[in-house]
Amino acid sequence: MVITVLFYKGRTIGVDIQNFVNLTITQTEPGIKGDTAQNATKPAVLETGYTVQVPLFVEEGDTVRVDTRTGQYIERVQK
């Protein structure tokens, strides 16, 4: 990941990170078959330890794109 840090007189005055990062899901419950409610989500723990709400079809080991500005799931990334 590329991070830009802006310094002024030896002090950090700004940090700029990517808007989206791809992270792997390390822990989540399996989706329940037959649960077809729209926008149904479940919690998933990412490789960083952060927990994000993901759709029911996402499984452990999947890679997902997360918006670093909001911390929300964006999409599942195909390998």
PDB file of N, CA and C in Angstrom:
ATOM      1  N   MET A   1       0.848  -1.166   0.000  1.00  0.00           N
ATOM      2  CA  MET A   1       0.000   0.000   0.000  1.00  0.00           C
ATOM      3  C   MET A   1       0.897   1.233   0.000  1.00  0.00           C
ATOM      4  N   VAL A   2       0.536   2.204  -0.813  1.00  0.00           N
ATOM      5  CA  VAL A   2       1.281   3.454  -0.877  1.00  0.00           C
ATOM      6  C   VAL A   2       0.608   4.463   0.047  1.00  0.00           C
ATOM      7  N   ILE A   3       1.385   5.023   0.942  1.00  0.00           N
ATOM      8  CA  ILE A   3       0.891   6.042   1.870  1.00  0.00           C
ATOM      9  C   ILE A   3       1.769   7.278   1.702  1.00  0.00           C
ATOM     10  N   THR A   4       1.138   8.433   1.550  1.00  0.00           N
ATOM     11  CA  THR A   4       1.865   9.689   1.430  1.00  0.00           C
ATOM     12  C   THR A   4       1.707  10.463   2.738  1.00  0.00           C
ATOM     13  N   VAL A   5       2.827  10.852   3.335  1.00  0.00           N
ATOM     14  CA  VAL A   5       2.813  11.609   4.577  1.00  0.00           C
ATOM     15  C   VAL A   5       3.411  12.978   4.290  1.00  0.00           C
ATOM     16  N   LEU A   6       2.704  14.024   4.680  1.00  0.00           N
ATOM     17  CA  LEU A   6       3.142  15.403   4.457  1.00  0.00           C
ATOM     18  C   LEU A   6       3.681  15.974   5.769  1.00  0.00           C
ATOM     19  N   PHE A   7       4.922  16.462   5.718  1.00  0.00           N
ATOM     20  CA  PHE A   7       5.575  17.015   6.901  1.00  0.00           C
ATOM     21  C   PHE A   7       5.776  18.523   6.737  1.00  0.00           C
ATOM     22  N   TYR A   8       5.732  19.237   7.841  1.00  0.00           N
ATOM     23  CA  TYR A   8       6.062  20.658   7.875  1.00  0.00           C
ATOM     24  C   TYR A   8       6.847  20.918   9.154  1.00  0.00           C
ATOM     25  N   LYS A   9       8.074  21.377   8.992  1.00  0.00           N
ATOM     26  CA  LYS A   9       8.970  21.643  10.123  1.00  0.00           C
ATOM     27  C   LYS A   9       9.094  20.437  11.049  1.00  0.00           C
ATOM     28  N   GLY A  10       9.230  19.261  10.432  1.00  0.00           N
ATOM     29  CA  GLY A  10       9.451  18.037  11.194  1.00  0.00           C
ATOM     30  C   GLY A  10       8.209  17.431  11.823  1.00  0.00           C
ATOM     31  N   ARG A  11       7.036  18.004  11.591  1.00  0.00           N
ATOM     32  CA  ARG A  11       5.792  17.477  12.167  1.00  0.00           C
ATOM     33  C   ARG A  11       4.890  16.993  11.052  1.00  0.00           C
ATOM     34  N   THR A  12       4.192  15.915  11.302  1.00  0.00           N
ATOM     35  CA  THR A  12       3.250  15.382  10.326  1.00  0.00           C
ATOM     36  C   THR A  12       2.009  16.271  10.301  1.00  0.00           C
ATOM     37  N   ILE A  13       1.642  16.726   9.106  1.00  0.00           N
ATOM     38  CA  ILE A  13       0.440  17.559   8.999  1.00  0.00           C
ATOM     39  C   ILE A  13      -0.608  16.941   8.079  1.00  0.00           C
ATOM     40  N   GLY A  14      -0.288  15.813   7.450  1.00  0.00           N
ATOM     41  CA  GLY A  14      -1.272  15.169   6.591  1.00  0.00           C
ATOM     42  C   GLY A  14      -0.856  13.763   6.215  1.00  0.00           C
ATOM     43  N   VAL A  15      -1.845  12.899   6.055  1.00  0.00           N
ATOM     44  CA  VAL A  15      -1.623  11.522   5.620  1.00  0.00           C
ATOM     45  C   VAL A  15      -2.641  11.218   4.536  1.00  0.00           C
ATOM     46  N   ASP A  16      -2.182  10.649   3.429  1.00  0.00           N
ATOM     47  CA  ASP A  16      -3.052  10.308   2.310  1.00  0.00           C
ATOM     48  C   ASP A  16      -2.889   8.825   2.007  1.00  0.00           C
ATOM     49  N   ILE A  17      -3.992   8.078   2.086  1.00  0.00           N
ATOM     50  CA  ILE A  17      -3.954   6.653   1.774  1.00  0.00           C
ATOM     51  C   ILE A  17      -4.877   6.380   0.587  1.00  0.00           C
ATOM     52  N   GLN A  18      -4.784   5.167   0.044  1.00  0.00           N
ATOM     53  CA  GLN A  18      -5.631   4.772  -1.078  1.00  0.00           C
ATOM     54  C   GLN A  18      -7.096   4.809  -0.659  1.00  0.00           C
ATOM     55  N   ASN A  19      -7.994   5.088  -1.612  1.00  0.00           N
ATOM     56  CA  ASN A  19      -9.425   5.107  -1.310  1.00  0.00           C
ATOM     57  C   ASN A  19      -9.998   3.712  -1.130  1.00  0.00           C
ATOM     58  N   PHE A  20      -9.402   2.716  -1.794  1.00  0.00           N
ATOM     59  CA  PHE A  20      -9.898   1.348  -1.711  1.00  0.00           C
ATOM     60  C   PHE A  20      -8.738   0.395  -1.480  1.00  0.00           C
ATOM     61  N   VAL A  21      -8.970  -0.636  -0.652  1.00  0.00           N
ATOM     62  CA  VAL A  21      -7.970  -1.685  -0.432  1.00  0.00           C
ATOM     63  C   VAL A  21      -8.647  -3.037  -0.589  1.00  0.00           C
ATOM     64  N   ASN A  22      -7.880  -4.021  -1.047  1.00  0.00           N
ATOM     65  CA  ASN A  22      -8.372  -5.386  -1.170  1.00  0.00           C
ATOM     66  C   ASN A  22      -7.832  -6.184   0.009  1.00  0.00           C
ATOM     67  N   LEU A  23      -8.743  -6.794   0.771  1.00  0.00           N
ATOM     68  CA  LEU A  23      -8.364  -7.543   1.964  1.00  0.00           C
ATOM     69  C   LEU A  23      -9.041  -8.910   1.954  1.00  0.00           C
ATOM     70  N   THR A  24      -8.419  -9.875   2.609  1.00  0.00           N
ATOM     71  CA  THR A  24      -8.947 -11.237   2.683  1.00  0.00           C
ATOM     72  C   THR A  24      -9.757 -11.421   3.952  1.00  0.00           C
ATOM     73  N   ILE A  25     -10.866 -12.137   3.821  1.00  0.00           N
ATOM     74  CA  ILE A  25     -11.712 -12.446   4.979  1.00  0.00           C
ATOM     75  C   ILE A  25     -11.120 -13.647   5.700  1.00  0.00           C
ATOM     76  N   THR A  26     -10.868 -13.487   6.998  1.00  0.00           N
ATOM     77  CA  THR A  26     -10.286 -14.570   7.787  1.00  0.00           C
ATOM     78  C   THR A  26     -11.323 -15.314   8.615  1.00  0.00           C
ATOM     79  N   GLN A  27     -12.465 -14.666   8.891  1.00  0.00           N
ATOM     80  CA  GLN A  27     -13.484 -15.332   9.697  1.00  0.00           C
ATOM     81  C   GLN A  27     -14.862 -14.760   9.384  1.00  0.00           C
ATOM     82  N   THR A  28     -15.803 -15.659   9.108  1.00  0.00           N
ATOM     83  CA  THR A  28     -17.206 -15.285   8.943  1.00  0.00           C
ATOM     84  C   THR A  28     -18.055 -16.539   9.023  1.00  0.00           C
ATOM     85  N   GLU A  29     -19.301 -16.368   9.374  1.00  0.00           N
ATOM     86  CA  GLU A  29     -20.231 -17.485   9.437  1.00  0.00           C
ATOM     87  C   GLU A  29     -20.681 -17.835   8.022  1.00  0.00           C
ATOM     88  N   PRO A  30     -20.989 -19.102   7.770  1.00  0.00           N
ATOM     89  CA  PRO A  30     -21.498 -19.453   6.445  1.00  0.00           C
ATOM     90  C   PRO A  30     -22.876 -18.833   6.220  1.00  0.00           C
ATOM     91  N   GLY A  31     -23.171 -18.493   4.960  1.00  0.00           N
ATOM     92  CA  GLY A  31     -24.489 -17.958   4.620  1.00  0.00           C
ATOM     93  C   GLY A  31     -25.545 -19.044   4.801  1.00  0.00           C
ATOM     94  N   ILE A  32     -26.741 -18.650   5.174  1.00  0.00           N
ATOM     95  CA  ILE A  32     -27.823 -19.611   5.390  1.00  0.00           C
ATOM     96  C   ILE A  32     -28.551 -19.822   4.077  1.00  0.00           C
ATOM     97  N   LYS A  33     -28.620 -21.076   3.622  1.00  0.00           N
ATOM     98  CA  LYS A  33     -29.328 -21.371   2.372  1.00  0.00           C
ATOM     99  C   LYS A  33     -30.795 -21.028   2.529  1.00  0.00           C
ATOM    100  N   GLY A  34     -31.344 -20.442   1.483  1.00  0.00           N
ATOM    101  CA  GLY A  34     -32.756 -20.087   1.510  1.00  0.00           C
ATOM    102  C   GLY A  34     -33.015 -18.703   2.053  1.00  0.00           C
ATOM    103  N   ASP A  35     -32.003 -18.057   2.629  1.00  0.00           N
ATOM    104  CA  ASP A  35     -32.174 -16.701   3.144  1.00  0.00           C
ATOM    105  C   ASP A  35     -31.940 -15.739   1.984  1.00  0.00           C
ATOM    106  N   THR A  36     -33.005 -15.278   1.365  1.00  0.00           N
ATOM    107  CA  THR A  36     -32.878 -14.450   0.170  1.00  0.00           C
ATOM    108  C   THR A  36     -33.357 -13.023   0.406  1.00  0.00           C
ATOM    109  N   ALA A  37     -33.419 -12.616   1.636  1.00  0.00           N
ATOM    110  CA  ALA A  37     -33.837 -11.245   1.935  1.00  0.00           C
ATOM    111  C   ALA A  37     -32.873 -10.270   1.259  1.00  0.00           C
ATOM    112  N   GLN A  38     -33.418  -9.234   0.668  1.00  0.00           N
ATOM    113  CA  GLN A  38     -32.562  -8.252   0.002  1.00  0.00           C
ATOM    114  C   GLN A  38     -31.692  -7.535   1.015  1.00  0.00           C
ATOM    115  N   ASN A  39     -30.470  -7.278   0.589  1.00  0.00           N
ATOM    116  CA  ASN A  39     -29.495  -6.539   1.393  1.00  0.00           C
ATOM    117  C   ASN A  39     -29.185  -7.194   2.734  1.00  0.00           C
ATOM    118  N   ALA A  40     -29.354  -8.512   2.831  1.00  0.00           N
ATOM    119  CA  ALA A  40     -29.012  -9.219   4.060  1.00  0.00           C
ATOM    120  C   ALA A  40     -27.486  -9.273   4.179  1.00  0.00           C
ATOM    121  N   THR A  41     -26.970  -8.983   5.358  1.00  0.00           N
ATOM    122  CA  THR A  41     -25.518  -8.985   5.577  1.00  0.00           C
ATOM    123  C   THR A  41     -25.170  -9.782   6.822  1.00  0.00           C
ATOM    124  N   LYS A  42     -23.887 -10.032   6.944  1.00  0.00           N
ATOM    125  CA  LYS A  42     -23.354 -10.722   8.118  1.00  0.00           C
ATOM    126  C   LYS A  42     -21.994 -10.118   8.424  1.00  0.00           C
ATOM    127  N   PRO A  43     -21.508 -10.213   9.662  1.00  0.00           N
ATOM    128  CA  PRO A  43     -20.189  -9.675   9.991  1.00  0.00           C
ATOM    129  C   PRO A  43     -19.079 -10.588   9.475  1.00  0.00           C
ATOM    130  N   ALA A  44     -17.980  -9.977   9.046  1.00  0.00           N
ATOM    131  CA  ALA A  44     -16.804 -10.722   8.594  1.00  0.00           C
ATOM    132  C   ALA A  44     -15.567 -10.017   9.121  1.00  0.00           C
ATOM    133  N   VAL A  45     -14.613 -10.809   9.613  1.00  0.00           N
ATOM    134  CA  VAL A  45     -13.354 -10.262  10.120  1.00  0.00           C
ATOM    135  C   VAL A  45     -12.327 -10.314   8.994  1.00  0.00           C
ATOM    136  N   LEU A  46     -11.684  -9.174   8.744  1.00  0.00           N
ATOM    137  CA  LEU A  46     -10.677  -9.083   7.691  1.00  0.00           C
ATOM    138  C   LEU A  46      -9.297  -9.414   8.239  1.00  0.00           C
ATOM    139  N   GLU A  47      -8.336  -9.575   7.357  1.00  0.00           N
ATOM    140  CA  GLU A  47      -6.969  -9.932   7.759  1.00  0.00           C
ATOM    141  C   GLU A  47      -6.336  -8.906   8.685  1.00  0.00           C
ATOM    142  N   THR A  48      -6.845  -7.692   8.699  1.00  0.00           N
ATOM    143  CA  THR A  48      -6.326  -6.644   9.580  1.00  0.00           C
ATOM    144  C   THR A  48      -6.954  -6.683  10.969  1.00  0.00           C
ATOM    145  N   GLY A  49      -8.011  -7.504  11.127  1.00  0.00           N
ATOM    146  CA  GLY A  49      -8.727  -7.568  12.390  1.00  0.00           C
ATOM    147  C   GLY A  49      -9.980  -6.719  12.396  1.00  0.00           C
ATOM    148  N   TYR A  50     -10.175  -5.906  11.364  1.00  0.00           N
ATOM    149  CA  TYR A  50     -11.358  -5.043  11.244  1.00  0.00           C
ATOM    150  C   TYR A  50     -12.571  -5.890  10.872  1.00  0.00           C
ATOM    151  N   THR A  51     -13.733  -5.583  11.461  1.00  0.00           N
ATOM    152  CA  THR A  51     -14.966  -6.295  11.148  1.00  0.00           C
ATOM    153  C   THR A  51     -15.833  -5.417  10.264  1.00  0.00           C
ATOM    154  N   VAL A  52     -16.320  -6.001   9.172  1.00  0.00           N
ATOM    155  CA  VAL A  52     -17.126  -5.285   8.193  1.00  0.00           C
ATOM    156  C   VAL A  52     -18.367  -6.128   7.871  1.00  0.00           C
ATOM    157  N   GLN A  53     -19.461  -5.481   7.531  1.00  0.00           N
ATOM    158  CA  GLN A  53     -20.669  -6.181   7.127  1.00  0.00           C
ATOM    159  C   GLN A  53     -20.559  -6.519   5.642  1.00  0.00           C
ATOM    160  N   VAL A  54     -20.784  -7.814   5.302  1.00  0.00           N
ATOM    161  CA  VAL A  54     -20.685  -8.288   3.921  1.00  0.00           C
ATOM    162  C   VAL A  54     -21.967  -9.041   3.553  1.00  0.00           C
ATOM    163  N   PRO A  55     -22.245  -9.202   2.256  1.00  0.00           N
ATOM    164  CA  PRO A  55     -23.408  -9.991   1.836  1.00  0.00           C
ATOM    165  C   PRO A  55     -23.261 -11.459   2.254  1.00  0.00           C
ATOM    166  N   LEU A  56     -24.385 -12.166   2.289  1.00  0.00           N
ATOM    167  CA  LEU A  56     -24.394 -13.552   2.750  1.00  0.00           C
ATOM    168  C   LEU A  56     -23.566 -14.500   1.892  1.00  0.00           C
ATOM    169  N   PHE A  57     -23.370 -14.193   0.601  1.00  0.00           N
ATOM    170  CA  PHE A  57     -22.638 -15.091  -0.293  1.00  0.00           C
ATOM    171  C   PHE A  57     -21.124 -15.049  -0.108  1.00  0.00           C
ATOM    172  N   VAL A  58     -20.604 -14.081   0.630  1.00  0.00           N
ATOM    173  CA  VAL A  58     -19.159 -13.961   0.852  1.00  0.00           C
ATOM    174  C   VAL A  58     -18.726 -14.995   1.883  1.00  0.00           C
ATOM    175  N   GLU A  59     -17.594 -15.665   1.603  1.00  0.00           N
ATOM    176  CA  GLU A  59     -17.108 -16.748   2.470  1.00  0.00           C
ATOM    177  C   GLU A  59     -15.689 -16.470   2.951  1.00  0.00           C
ATOM    178  N   GLU A  60     -15.253 -17.250   3.937  1.00  0.00           N
ATOM    179  CA  GLU A  60     -13.872 -17.151   4.419  1.00  0.00           C
ATOM    180  C   GLU A  60     -12.923 -17.421   3.266  1.00  0.00           C
ATOM    181  N   GLY A  61     -11.835 -16.668   3.216  1.00  0.00           N
ATOM    182  CA  GLY A  61     -10.849 -16.835   2.157  1.00  0.00           C
ATOM    183  C   GLY A  61     -11.107 -15.946   0.956  1.00  0.00           C
ATOM    184  N   ASP A  62     -12.313 -15.392   0.830  1.00  0.00           N
ATOM    185  CA  ASP A  62     -12.614 -14.475  -0.269  1.00  0.00           C
ATOM    186  C   ASP A  62     -11.870 -13.157  -0.053  1.00  0.00           C
ATOM    187  N   THR A  63     -11.577 -12.491  -1.154  1.00  0.00           N
ATOM    188  CA  THR A  63     -10.976 -11.161  -1.104  1.00  0.00           C
ATOM    189  C   THR A  63     -12.054 -10.145  -1.429  1.00  0.00           C
ATOM    190  N   VAL A  64     -12.129  -9.101  -0.614  1.00  0.00           N
ATOM    191  CA  VAL A  64     -13.148  -8.067  -0.805  1.00  0.00           C
ATOM    192  C   VAL A  64     -12.485  -6.701  -0.894  1.00  0.00           C
ATOM    193  N   ARG A  65     -13.152  -5.774  -1.565  1.00  0.00           N
ATOM    194  CA  ARG A  65     -12.683  -4.391  -1.664  1.00  0.00           C
ATOM    195  C   ARG A  65     -13.418  -3.578  -0.604  1.00  0.00           C
ATOM    196  N   VAL A  66     -12.650  -2.795   0.165  1.00  0.00           N
ATOM    197  CA  VAL A  66     -13.200  -1.983   1.253  1.00  0.00           C
ATOM    198  C   VAL A  66     -12.831  -0.524   1.007  1.00  0.00           C
ATOM    199  N   ASP A  67     -13.775   0.371   1.213  1.00  0.00           N
ATOM    200  CA  ASP A  67     -13.552   1.809   1.086  1.00  0.00           C
ATOM    201  C   ASP A  67     -12.882   2.293   2.370  1.00  0.00           C
ATOM    202  N   THR A  68     -11.669   2.823   2.271  1.00  0.00           N
ATOM    203  CA  THR A  68     -10.932   3.249   3.466  1.00  0.00           C
ATOM    204  C   THR A  68     -11.509   4.515   4.079  1.00  0.00           C
ATOM    205  N   ARG A  69     -12.302   5.259   3.318  1.00  0.00           N
ATOM    206  CA  ARG A  69     -12.894   6.494   3.845  1.00  0.00           C
ATOM    207  C   ARG A  69     -14.082   6.194   4.751  1.00  0.00           C
ATOM    208  N   THR A  70     -14.851   5.133   4.426  1.00  0.00           N
ATOM    209  CA  THR A  70     -16.055   4.813   5.191  1.00  0.00           C
ATOM    210  C   THR A  70     -15.935   3.502   5.953  1.00  0.00           C
ATOM    211  N   GLY A  71     -15.012   2.641   5.544  1.00  0.00           N
ATOM    212  CA  GLY A  71     -14.863   1.328   6.176  1.00  0.00           C
ATOM    213  C   GLY A  71     -15.908   0.333   5.720  1.00  0.00           C
ATOM    214  N   GLN A  72     -16.591   0.613   4.619  1.00  0.00           N
ATOM    215  CA  GLN A  72     -17.664  -0.260   4.145  1.00  0.00           C
ATOM    216  C   GLN A  72     -17.199  -1.185   3.027  1.00  0.00           C
ATOM    217  N   TYR A  73     -17.843  -2.361   2.988  1.00  0.00           N
ATOM    218  CA  TYR A  73     -17.649  -3.325   1.914  1.00  0.00           C
ATOM    219  C   TYR A  73     -18.128  -2.709   0.608  1.00  0.00           C
ATOM    220  N   ILE A  74     -17.343  -2.906  -0.481  1.00  0.00           N
ATOM    221  CA  ILE A  74     -17.728  -2.409  -1.794  1.00  0.00           C
ATOM    222  C   ILE A  74     -18.107  -3.567  -2.712  1.00  0.00           C
ATOM    223  N   GLU A  75     -17.215  -4.560  -2.840  1.00  0.00           N
ATOM    224  CA  GLU A  75     -17.483  -5.688  -3.725  1.00  0.00           C
ATOM    225  C   GLU A  75     -16.534  -6.835  -3.416  1.00  0.00           C
ATOM    226  N   ARG A  76     -16.910  -8.011  -3.917  1.00  0.00           N
ATOM    227  CA  ARG A  76     -16.012  -9.170  -3.816  1.00  0.00           C
ATOM    228  C   ARG A  76     -15.082  -9.114  -5.019  1.00  0.00           C
ATOM    229  N   VAL A  77     -13.799  -9.372  -4.806  1.00  0.00           N
ATOM    230  CA  VAL A  77     -12.794  -9.303  -5.857  1.00  0.00           C
ATOM    231  C   VAL A  77     -12.541 -10.714  -6.376  1.00  0.00           C
ATOM    232  N   GLN A  78     -12.647 -10.865  -7.676  1.00  0.00           N
ATOM    233  CA  GLN A  78     -12.367 -12.169  -8.299  1.00  0.00           C
ATOM    234  C   GLN A  78     -10.857 -12.349  -8.409  1.00  0.00           C
ATOM    235  N   LYS A  79     -10.393 -13.540  -8.105  1.00  0.00           N
ATOM    236  CA  LYS A  79      -8.952 -13.826  -8.160  1.00  0.00           C
ATOM    237  C   LYS A  79      -8.524 -14.162  -9.556  1.00  0.00           C
TER     238      LYS A  79
END
